[in-house]
Amino acid sequence: MTTQTYRFIWQDIEIEAVYEPNKWQVIAHLEIRSINPERAPLPITETGYLSHYHEIGEIEELGGDVVAQIIAWLDEMATKSAWKAYVEASRQYTLF
């Protein structure tokens, strides 16, 4: 299979995902990066970039929709207290 590139919006953040379902014929690879705003933190990465290796067929076994899987992952991690604290802090002005 060839490399697949996706762009989508999650909570006002434009994200690019590059999926290689069969990298080196032994593993799958998913790169996720926030592109607008550039390097915006995401619940799965503070830097706005994530390189994730996983077993071949894992995404396909879950329905094969790469974007839906990433959104589900982001939504799940967005329920964690660390992300909620980040969102709250980013809404407030800080003096220091």
PDB file of N, CA and C in Angstrom:
ATOM      1  N   MET A   1       0.836  -1.190   0.000  1.00  0.00           N
ATOM      2  CA  MET A   1       0.000   0.000   0.000  1.00  0.00           C
ATOM      3  C   MET A   1       0.875   1.246   0.000  1.00  0.00           C
ATOM      4  N   THR A   2       0.295   2.300  -0.472  1.00  0.00           N
ATOM      5  CA  THR A   2       1.034   3.547  -0.543  1.00  0.00           C
ATOM      6  C   THR A   2       0.739   4.439   0.663  1.00  0.00           C
ATOM      7  N   THR A   3       1.550   5.448   0.789  1.00  0.00           N
ATOM      8  CA  THR A   3       1.369   6.418   1.862  1.00  0.00           C
ATOM      9  C   THR A   3       0.081   7.201   1.628  1.00  0.00           C
ATOM     10  N   GLN A   4      -0.661   7.411   2.704  1.00  0.00           N
ATOM     11  CA  GLN A   4      -1.927   8.142   2.635  1.00  0.00           C
ATOM     12  C   GLN A   4      -1.791   9.413   3.468  1.00  0.00           C
ATOM     13  N   THR A   5      -2.228  10.539   2.924  1.00  0.00           N
ATOM     14  CA  THR A   5      -2.159  11.808   3.637  1.00  0.00           C
ATOM     15  C   THR A   5      -3.567  12.358   3.804  1.00  0.00           C
ATOM     16  N   TYR A   6      -3.855  12.803   5.012  1.00  0.00           N
ATOM     17  CA  TYR A   6      -5.176  13.334   5.350  1.00  0.00           C
ATOM     18  C   TYR A   6      -5.019  14.684   6.029  1.00  0.00           C
ATOM     19  N   ARG A   7      -5.973  15.576   5.796  1.00  0.00           N
ATOM     20  CA  ARG A   7      -6.054  16.847   6.519  1.00  0.00           C
ATOM     21  C   ARG A   7      -7.468  16.988   7.041  1.00  0.00           C
ATOM     22  N   PHE A   8      -7.575  17.419   8.293  1.00  0.00           N
ATOM     23  CA  PHE A   8      -8.886  17.590   8.903  1.00  0.00           C
ATOM     24  C   PHE A   8      -8.782  18.593  10.043  1.00  0.00           C
ATOM     25  N   ILE A   9      -9.934  19.045  10.518  1.00  0.00           N
ATOM     26  CA  ILE A   9     -10.001  20.010  11.614  1.00  0.00           C
ATOM     27  C   ILE A   9     -10.525  19.288  12.853  1.00  0.00           C
ATOM     28  N   TRP A  10      -9.826  19.490  13.965  1.00  0.00           N
ATOM     29  CA  TRP A  10     -10.284  18.988  15.265  1.00  0.00           C
ATOM     30  C   TRP A  10     -10.208  20.150  16.237  1.00  0.00           C
ATOM     31  N   GLN A  11     -11.327  20.523  16.812  1.00  0.00           N
ATOM     32  CA  GLN A  11     -11.408  21.632  17.774  1.00  0.00           C
ATOM     33  C   GLN A  11     -10.636  22.875  17.311  1.00  0.00           C
ATOM     34  N   ASP A  12     -10.935  23.308  16.099  1.00  0.00           N
ATOM     35  CA  ASP A  12     -10.339  24.506  15.490  1.00  0.00           C
ATOM     36  C   ASP A  12      -8.845  24.386  15.208  1.00  0.00           C
ATOM     37  N   ILE A  13      -8.312  23.188  15.224  1.00  0.00           N
ATOM     38  CA  ILE A  13      -6.899  22.958  14.898  1.00  0.00           C
ATOM     39  C   ILE A  13      -6.854  22.124  13.625  1.00  0.00           C
ATOM     40  N   GLU A  14      -6.144  22.634  12.613  1.00  0.00           N
ATOM     41  CA  GLU A  14      -5.972  21.858  11.381  1.00  0.00           C
ATOM     42  C   GLU A  14      -4.846  20.858  11.602  1.00  0.00           C
ATOM     43  N   ILE A  15      -5.121  19.631  11.258  1.00  0.00           N
ATOM     44  CA  ILE A  15      -4.191  18.533  11.505  1.00  0.00           C
ATOM     45  C   ILE A  15      -3.893  17.810  10.202  1.00  0.00           C
ATOM     46  N   GLU A  16      -2.650  17.426  10.042  1.00  0.00           N
ATOM     47  CA  GLU A  16      -2.257  16.580   8.919  1.00  0.00           C
ATOM     48  C   GLU A  16      -1.814  15.233   9.472  1.00  0.00           C
ATOM     49  N   ALA A  17      -2.299  14.186   8.856  1.00  0.00           N
ATOM     50  CA  ALA A  17      -1.914  12.836   9.245  1.00  0.00           C
ATOM     51  C   ALA A  17      -1.361  12.112   8.027  1.00  0.00           C
ATOM     52  N   VAL A  18      -0.225  11.480   8.197  1.00  0.00           N
ATOM     53  CA  VAL A  18       0.376  10.674   7.141  1.00  0.00           C
ATOM     54  C   VAL A  18       0.430   9.249   7.649  1.00  0.00           C
ATOM     55  N   TYR A  19      -0.211   8.360   6.915  1.00  0.00           N
ATOM     56  CA  TYR A  19      -0.332   6.962   7.335  1.00  0.00           C
ATOM     57  C   TYR A  19       0.362   6.055   6.327  1.00  0.00           C
ATOM     58  N   GLU A  20       1.262   5.248   6.830  1.00  0.00           N
ATOM     59  CA  GLU A  20       1.927   4.226   6.023  1.00  0.00           C
ATOM     60  C   GLU A  20       1.513   2.868   6.585  1.00  0.00           C
ATOM     61  N   PRO A  21       0.536   2.222   5.955  1.00  0.00           N
ATOM     62  CA  PRO A  21      -0.001   0.977   6.504  1.00  0.00           C
ATOM     63  C   PRO A  21       0.974  -0.195   6.495  1.00  0.00           C
ATOM     64  N   ASN A  22       2.065  -0.066   5.733  1.00  0.00           N
ATOM     65  CA  ASN A  22       2.998  -1.180   5.625  1.00  0.00           C
ATOM     66  C   ASN A  22       4.418  -0.647   5.476  1.00  0.00           C
ATOM     67  N   LYS A  23       4.920  -0.015   6.518  1.00  0.00           N
ATOM     68  CA  LYS A  23       6.272   0.559   6.479  1.00  0.00           C
ATOM     69  C   LYS A  23       7.289  -0.548   6.707  1.00  0.00           C
ATOM     70  N   TRP A  24       8.217  -0.642   5.818  1.00  0.00           N
ATOM     71  CA  TRP A  24       9.283  -1.651   5.877  1.00  0.00           C
ATOM     72  C   TRP A  24       8.734  -3.085   5.920  1.00  0.00           C
ATOM     73  N   GLN A  25       7.494  -3.261   5.544  1.00  0.00           N
ATOM     74  CA  GLN A  25       6.834  -4.569   5.456  1.00  0.00           C
ATOM     75  C   GLN A  25       6.705  -5.298   6.790  1.00  0.00           C
ATOM     76  N   VAL A  26       6.916  -4.582   7.896  1.00  0.00           N
ATOM     77  CA  VAL A  26       6.811  -5.228   9.208  1.00  0.00           C
ATOM     78  C   VAL A  26       6.007  -4.427  10.226  1.00  0.00           C
ATOM     79  N   ILE A  27       5.713  -3.168   9.911  1.00  0.00           N
ATOM     80  CA  ILE A  27       5.053  -2.306  10.885  1.00  0.00           C
ATOM     81  C   ILE A  27       4.305  -1.195  10.150  1.00  0.00           C
ATOM     82  N   ALA A  28       3.305  -0.635  10.791  1.00  0.00           N
ATOM     83  CA  ALA A  28       2.590   0.514  10.237  1.00  0.00           C
ATOM     84  C   ALA A  28       3.063   1.771  10.960  1.00  0.00           C
ATOM     85  N   HIS A  29       2.957   2.910  10.278  1.00  0.00           N
ATOM     86  CA  HIS A  29       3.433   4.165  10.854  1.00  0.00           C
ATOM     87  C   HIS A  29       2.407   5.264  10.612  1.00  0.00           C
ATOM     88  N   LEU A  30       2.174   6.051  11.651  1.00  0.00           N
ATOM     89  CA  LEU A  30       1.247   7.167  11.590  1.00  0.00           C
ATOM     90  C   LEU A  30       1.949   8.403  12.129  1.00  0.00           C
ATOM     91  N   GLU A  31       1.996   9.450  11.321  1.00  0.00           N
ATOM     92  CA  GLU A  31       2.536  10.735  11.756  1.00  0.00           C
ATOM     93  C   GLU A  31       1.381  11.715  11.855  1.00  0.00           C
ATOM     94  N   ILE A  32       1.317  12.411  12.973  1.00  0.00           N
ATOM     95  CA  ILE A  32       0.261  13.383  13.202  1.00  0.00           C
ATOM     96  C   ILE A  32       0.921  14.706  13.562  1.00  0.00           C
ATOM     97  N   ARG A  33       0.487  15.777  12.892  1.00  0.00           N
ATOM     98  CA  ARG A  33       1.049  17.094  13.219  1.00  0.00           C
ATOM     99  C   ARG A  33      -0.026  18.158  13.087  1.00  0.00           C
ATOM    100  N   SER A  34       0.019  19.116  13.994  1.00  0.00           N
ATOM    101  CA  SER A  34      -0.871  20.270  13.877  1.00  0.00           C
ATOM    102  C   SER A  34      -0.201  21.258  12.930  1.00  0.00           C
ATOM    103  N   ILE A  35      -0.977  21.725  11.951  1.00  0.00           N
ATOM    104  CA  ILE A  35      -0.384  22.602  10.948  1.00  0.00           C
ATOM    105  C   ILE A  35      -0.968  24.018  10.973  1.00  0.00           C
ATOM    106  N   ASN A  36      -2.129  24.191  11.593  1.00  0.00           N
ATOM    107  CA  ASN A  36      -2.692  25.531  11.721  1.00  0.00           C
ATOM    108  C   ASN A  36      -3.594  25.573  12.942  1.00  0.00           C
ATOM    109  N   PRO A  37      -3.160  26.217  14.010  1.00  0.00           N
ATOM    110  CA  PRO A  37      -1.856  26.846  14.168  1.00  0.00           C
ATOM    111  C   PRO A  37      -0.732  25.803  14.194  1.00  0.00           C
ATOM    112  N   GLU A  38       0.369  26.215  13.644  1.00  0.00           N
ATOM    113  CA  GLU A  38       1.526  25.331  13.553  1.00  0.00           C
ATOM    114  C   GLU A  38       2.020  24.944  14.940  1.00  0.00           C
ATOM    115  N   ARG A  39       2.270  23.670  15.116  1.00  0.00           N
ATOM    116  CA  ARG A  39       2.792  23.102  16.367  1.00  0.00           C
ATOM    117  C   ARG A  39       1.861  23.292  17.562  1.00  0.00           C
ATOM    118  N   ALA A  40       0.587  23.480  17.318  1.00  0.00           N
ATOM    119  CA  ALA A  40      -0.364  23.606  18.422  1.00  0.00           C
ATOM    120  C   ALA A  40      -0.403  22.297  19.202  1.00  0.00           C
ATOM    121  N   PRO A  41      -0.352  22.369  20.518  1.00  0.00           N
ATOM    122  CA  PRO A  41      -0.440  21.143  21.314  1.00  0.00           C
ATOM    123  C   PRO A  41      -1.746  20.400  21.028  1.00  0.00           C
ATOM    124  N   LEU A  42      -1.670  19.104  21.142  1.00  0.00           N
ATOM    125  CA  LEU A  42      -2.831  18.223  21.008  1.00  0.00           C
ATOM    126  C   LEU A  42      -2.869  17.327  22.232  1.00  0.00           C
ATOM    127  N   PRO A  43      -3.997  16.736  22.534  1.00  0.00           N
ATOM    128  CA  PRO A  43      -4.064  15.868  23.722  1.00  0.00           C
ATOM    129  C   PRO A  43      -3.122  14.669  23.660  1.00  0.00           C
ATOM    130  N   ILE A  44      -2.634  14.343  22.459  1.00  0.00           N
ATOM    131  CA  ILE A  44      -1.734  13.197  22.315  1.00  0.00           C
ATOM    132  C   ILE A  44      -0.276  13.614  22.163  1.00  0.00           C
ATOM    133  N   THR A  45      -0.025  14.935  22.097  1.00  0.00           N
ATOM    134  CA  THR A  45       1.339  15.430  21.983  1.00  0.00           C
ATOM    135  C   THR A  45       1.414  16.908  22.359  1.00  0.00           C
ATOM    136  N   GLU A  46       2.306  17.246  23.240  1.00  0.00           N
ATOM    137  CA  GLU A  46       2.485  18.636  23.657  1.00  0.00           C
ATOM    138  C   GLU A  46       3.154  19.474  22.577  1.00  0.00           C
ATOM    139  N   THR A  47       3.877  18.827  21.670  1.00  0.00           N
ATOM    140  CA  THR A  47       4.638  19.547  20.651  1.00  0.00           C
ATOM    141  C   THR A  47       3.890  19.740  19.339  1.00  0.00           C
ATOM    142  N   GLY A  48       2.728  19.131  19.208  1.00  0.00           N
ATOM    143  CA  GLY A  48       1.990  19.215  17.959  1.00  0.00           C
ATOM    144  C   GLY A  48       2.465  18.222  16.920  1.00  0.00           C
ATOM    145  N   TYR A  49       3.368  17.310  17.300  1.00  0.00           N
ATOM    146  CA  TYR A  49       3.857  16.285  16.377  1.00  0.00           C
ATOM    147  C   TYR A  49       3.932  14.949  17.112  1.00  0.00           C
ATOM    148  N   LEU A  50       3.486  13.902  16.437  1.00  0.00           N
ATOM    149  CA  LEU A  50       3.565  12.570  17.006  1.00  0.00           C
ATOM    150  C   LEU A  50       3.898  11.563  15.912  1.00  0.00           C
ATOM    151  N   SER A  51       4.878  10.736  16.163  1.00  0.00           N
ATOM    152  CA  SER A  51       5.226   9.617  15.300  1.00  0.00           C
ATOM    153  C   SER A  51       4.831   8.355  16.055  1.00  0.00           C
ATOM    154  N   HIS A  52       3.916   7.588  15.462  1.00  0.00           N
ATOM    155  CA  HIS A  52       3.355   6.433  16.169  1.00  0.00           C
ATOM    156  C   HIS A  52       3.471   5.180  15.302  1.00  0.00           C
ATOM    157  N   TYR A  53       4.200   4.188  15.789  1.00  0.00           N
ATOM    158  CA  TYR A  53       4.319   2.900  15.114  1.00  0.00           C
ATOM    159  C   TYR A  53       3.357   1.910  15.764  1.00  0.00           C
ATOM    160  N   HIS A  54       2.741   1.072  14.952  1.00  0.00           N
ATOM    161  CA  HIS A  54       1.819   0.075  15.474  1.00  0.00           C
ATOM    162  C   HIS A  54       1.768  -1.125  14.521  1.00  0.00           C
ATOM    163  N   GLU A  55       1.107  -2.170  14.956  1.00  0.00           N
ATOM    164  CA  GLU A  55       1.039  -3.388  14.157  1.00  0.00           C
ATOM    165  C   GLU A  55       0.297  -3.152  12.854  1.00  0.00           C
ATOM    166  N   ILE A  56       0.761  -3.789  11.800  1.00  0.00           N
ATOM    167  CA  ILE A  56       0.078  -3.725  10.513  1.00  0.00           C
ATOM    168  C   ILE A  56      -1.350  -4.237  10.690  1.00  0.00           C
ATOM    169  N   GLY A  57      -2.298  -3.508  10.125  1.00  0.00           N
ATOM    170  CA  GLY A  57      -3.694  -3.920  10.163  1.00  0.00           C
ATOM    171  C   GLY A  57      -4.484  -3.427  11.358  1.00  0.00           C
ATOM    172  N   GLU A  58      -3.835  -2.784  12.303  1.00  0.00           N
ATOM    173  CA  GLU A  58      -4.530  -2.335  13.514  1.00  0.00           C
ATOM    174  C   GLU A  58      -5.648  -1.341  13.184  1.00  0.00           C
ATOM    175  N   ILE A  59      -5.364  -0.347  12.370  1.00  0.00           N
ATOM    176  CA  ILE A  59      -6.388   0.637  12.002  1.00  0.00           C
ATOM    177  C   ILE A  59      -7.461  -0.023  11.145  1.00  0.00           C
ATOM    178  N   GLU A  60      -7.046  -0.883  10.248  1.00  0.00           N
ATOM    179  CA  GLU A  60      -7.996  -1.560   9.371  1.00  0.00           C
ATOM    180  C   GLU A  60      -8.954  -2.454  10.162  1.00  0.00           C
ATOM    181  N   GLU A  61      -8.463  -3.084  11.205  1.00  0.00           N
ATOM    182  CA  GLU A  61      -9.320  -3.931  12.047  1.00  0.00           C
ATOM    183  C   GLU A  61     -10.385  -3.111  12.778  1.00  0.00           C
ATOM    184  N   LEU A  62     -10.114  -1.823  12.971  1.00  0.00           N
ATOM    185  CA  LEU A  62     -11.053  -0.942  13.667  1.00  0.00           C
ATOM    186  C   LEU A  62     -11.948  -0.180  12.689  1.00  0.00           C
ATOM    187  N   GLY A  63     -12.012  -0.644  11.460  1.00  0.00           N
ATOM    188  CA  GLY A  63     -12.889  -0.035  10.473  1.00  0.00           C
ATOM    189  C   GLY A  63     -12.169   0.617   9.312  1.00  0.00           C
ATOM    190  N   GLY A  64     -10.875   0.885   9.463  1.00  0.00           N
ATOM    191  CA  GLY A  64     -10.082   1.397   8.363  1.00  0.00           C
ATOM    192  C   GLY A  64     -10.141   2.889   8.114  1.00  0.00           C
ATOM    193  N   ASP A  65     -10.957   3.627   8.839  1.00  0.00           N
ATOM    194  CA  ASP A  65     -11.058   5.067   8.645  1.00  0.00           C
ATOM    195  C   ASP A  65     -10.008   5.754   9.512  1.00  0.00           C
ATOM    196  N   VAL A  66      -8.913   6.146   8.895  1.00  0.00           N
ATOM    197  CA  VAL A  66      -7.774   6.713   9.619  1.00  0.00           C
ATOM    198  C   VAL A  66      -8.180   7.976  10.380  1.00  0.00           C
ATOM    199  N   VAL A  67      -8.877   8.885   9.715  1.00  0.00           N
ATOM    200  CA  VAL A  67      -9.268  10.140  10.358  1.00  0.00           C
ATOM    201  C   VAL A  67     -10.197   9.873  11.540  1.00  0.00           C
ATOM    202  N   ALA A  68     -11.161   8.985  11.361  1.00  0.00           N
ATOM    203  CA  ALA A  68     -12.079   8.662  12.462  1.00  0.00           C
ATOM    204  C   ALA A  68     -11.330   8.082  13.651  1.00  0.00           C
ATOM    205  N   GLN A  69     -10.325   7.253  13.403  1.00  0.00           N
ATOM    206  CA  GLN A  69      -9.534   6.675  14.492  1.00  0.00           C
ATOM    207  C   GLN A  69      -8.731   7.743  15.217  1.00  0.00           C
ATOM    208  N   ILE A  70      -8.144   8.670  14.477  1.00  0.00           N
ATOM    209  CA  ILE A  70      -7.370   9.749  15.109  1.00  0.00           C
ATOM    210  C   ILE A  70      -8.294  10.650  15.924  1.00  0.00           C
ATOM    211  N   ILE A  71      -9.442  11.006  15.368  1.00  0.00           N
ATOM    212  CA  ILE A  71     -10.387  11.850  16.098  1.00  0.00           C
ATOM    213  C   ILE A  71     -10.857  11.152  17.366  1.00  0.00           C
ATOM    214  N   ALA A  72     -11.144   9.861  17.281  1.00  0.00           N
ATOM    215  CA  ALA A  72     -11.552   9.112  18.483  1.00  0.00           C
ATOM    216  C   ALA A  72     -10.441   9.137  19.523  1.00  0.00           C
ATOM    217  N   TRP A  73      -9.193   8.996  19.102  1.00  0.00           N
ATOM    218  CA  TRP A  73      -8.036   9.034  19.999  1.00  0.00           C
ATOM    219  C   TRP A  73      -7.920  10.422  20.633  1.00  0.00           C
ATOM    220  N   LEU A  74      -8.015  11.467  19.812  1.00  0.00           N
ATOM    221  CA  LEU A  74      -7.944  12.828  20.342  1.00  0.00           C
ATOM    222  C   LEU A  74      -9.078  13.093  21.332  1.00  0.00           C
ATOM    223  N   ASP A  75     -10.284  12.685  20.962  1.00  0.00           N
ATOM    224  CA  ASP A  75     -11.441  12.891  21.846  1.00  0.00           C
ATOM    225  C   ASP A  75     -11.263  12.169  23.182  1.00  0.00           C
ATOM    226  N   GLU A  76     -10.755  10.950  23.114  1.00  0.00           N
ATOM    227  CA  GLU A  76     -10.537  10.179  24.355  1.00  0.00           C
ATOM    228  C   GLU A  76      -9.501  10.856  25.244  1.00  0.00           C
ATOM    229  N   MET A  77      -8.392  11.270  24.660  1.00  0.00           N
ATOM    230  CA  MET A  77      -7.332  11.903  25.448  1.00  0.00           C
ATOM    231  C   MET A  77      -7.738  13.301  25.923  1.00  0.00           C
ATOM    232  N   ALA A  78      -8.665  13.943  25.213  1.00  0.00           N
ATOM    233  CA  ALA A  78      -9.135  15.273  25.615  1.00  0.00           C
ATOM    234  C   ALA A  78      -9.968  15.225  26.884  1.00  0.00           C
ATOM    235  N   THR A  79     -10.383  14.040  27.302  1.00  0.00           N
ATOM    236  CA  THR A  79     -11.142  13.912  28.547  1.00  0.00           C
ATOM    237  C   THR A  79     -10.232  13.846  29.767  1.00  0.00           C
ATOM    238  N   LYS A  80      -8.934  13.717  29.549  1.00  0.00           N
ATOM    239  CA  LYS A  80      -7.970  13.607  30.652  1.00  0.00           C
ATOM    240  C   LYS A  80      -7.762  14.964  31.323  1.00  0.00           C
ATOM    241  N   SER A  81      -7.461  14.916  32.596  1.00  0.00           N
ATOM    242  CA  SER A  81      -7.314  16.150  33.378  1.00  0.00           C
ATOM    243  C   SER A  81      -6.185  17.042  32.869  1.00  0.00           C
ATOM    244  N   ALA A  82      -5.113  16.471  32.361  1.00  0.00           N
ATOM    245  CA  ALA A  82      -3.996  17.291  31.872  1.00  0.00           C
ATOM    246  C   ALA A  82      -4.430  18.156  30.693  1.00  0.00           C
ATOM    247  N   TRP A  83      -5.199  17.583  29.764  1.00  0.00           N
ATOM    248  CA  TRP A  83      -5.660  18.367  28.618  1.00  0.00           C
ATOM    249  C   TRP A  83      -6.674  19.414  29.054  1.00  0.00           C
ATOM    250  N   LYS A  84      -7.573  19.051  29.948  1.00  0.00           N
ATOM    251  CA  LYS A  84      -8.561  20.013  30.439  1.00  0.00           C
ATOM    252  C   LYS A  84      -7.873  21.186  31.120  1.00  0.00           C
ATOM    253  N   ALA A  85      -6.827  20.913  31.889  1.00  0.00           N
ATOM    254  CA  ALA A  85      -6.076  21.978  32.554  1.00  0.00           C
ATOM    255  C   ALA A  85      -5.382  22.868  31.522  1.00  0.00           C
ATOM    256  N   TYR A  86      -4.824  22.269  30.478  1.00  0.00           N
ATOM    257  CA  TYR A  86      -4.178  23.048  29.418  1.00  0.00           C
ATOM    258  C   TYR A  86      -5.190  23.971  28.742  1.00  0.00           C
ATOM    259  N   VAL A  87      -6.346  23.443  28.396  1.00  0.00           N
ATOM    260  CA  VAL A  87      -7.384  24.243  27.731  1.00  0.00           C
ATOM    261  C   VAL A  87      -7.815  25.400  28.624  1.00  0.00           C
ATOM    262  N   GLU A  88      -8.034  25.123  29.890  1.00  0.00           N
ATOM    263  CA  GLU A  88      -8.462  26.165  30.823  1.00  0.00           C
ATOM    264  C   GLU A  88      -7.383  27.239  30.961  1.00  0.00           C
ATOM    265  N   ALA A  89      -6.139  26.832  31.097  1.00  0.00           N
ATOM    266  CA  ALA A  89      -5.045  27.793  31.246  1.00  0.00           C
ATOM    267  C   ALA A  89      -4.875  28.634  29.984  1.00  0.00           C
ATOM    268  N   SER A  90      -5.114  28.045  28.817  1.00  0.00           N
ATOM    269  CA  SER A  90      -4.938  28.795  27.572  1.00  0.00           C
ATOM    270  C   SER A  90      -6.055  29.816  27.357  1.00  0.00           C
ATOM    271  N   ARG A  91      -7.162  29.658  28.052  1.00  0.00           N
ATOM    272  CA  ARG A  91      -8.266  30.615  27.947  1.00  0.00           C
ATOM    273  C   ARG A  91      -8.060  31.836  28.835  1.00  0.00           C
ATOM    274  N   GLN A  92      -7.225  31.704  29.841  1.00  0.00           N
ATOM    275  CA  GLN A  92      -7.026  32.775  30.809  1.00  0.00           C
ATOM    276  C   GLN A  92      -5.738  33.517  30.506  1.00  0.00           C
ATOM    277  N   TYR A  93      -5.765  34.802  30.774  1.00  0.00           N
ATOM    278  CA  TYR A  93      -4.547  35.588  30.645  1.00  0.00           C
ATOM    279  C   TYR A  93      -3.661  35.308  31.848  1.00  0.00           C
ATOM    280  N   THR A  94      -2.364  35.297  31.620  1.00  0.00           N
ATOM    281  CA  THR A  94      -1.436  35.129  32.740  1.00  0.00           C
ATOM    282  C   THR A  94      -0.610  36.400  32.866  1.00  0.00           C
ATOM    283  N   LEU A  95      -0.287  36.756  34.083  1.00  0.00           N
ATOM    284  CA  LEU A  95       0.498  37.960  34.324  1.00  0.00           C
ATOM    285  C   LEU A  95       1.991  37.672  34.327  1.00  0.00           C
ATOM    286  N   PHE A  96       2.337  36.402  34.477  1.00  0.00           N
ATOM    287  CA  PHE A  96       3.764  36.064  34.558  1.00  0.00           C
ATOM    288  C   PHE A  96       4.115  35.004  33.559  1.00  0.00           C
TER     289      PHE A  96
END
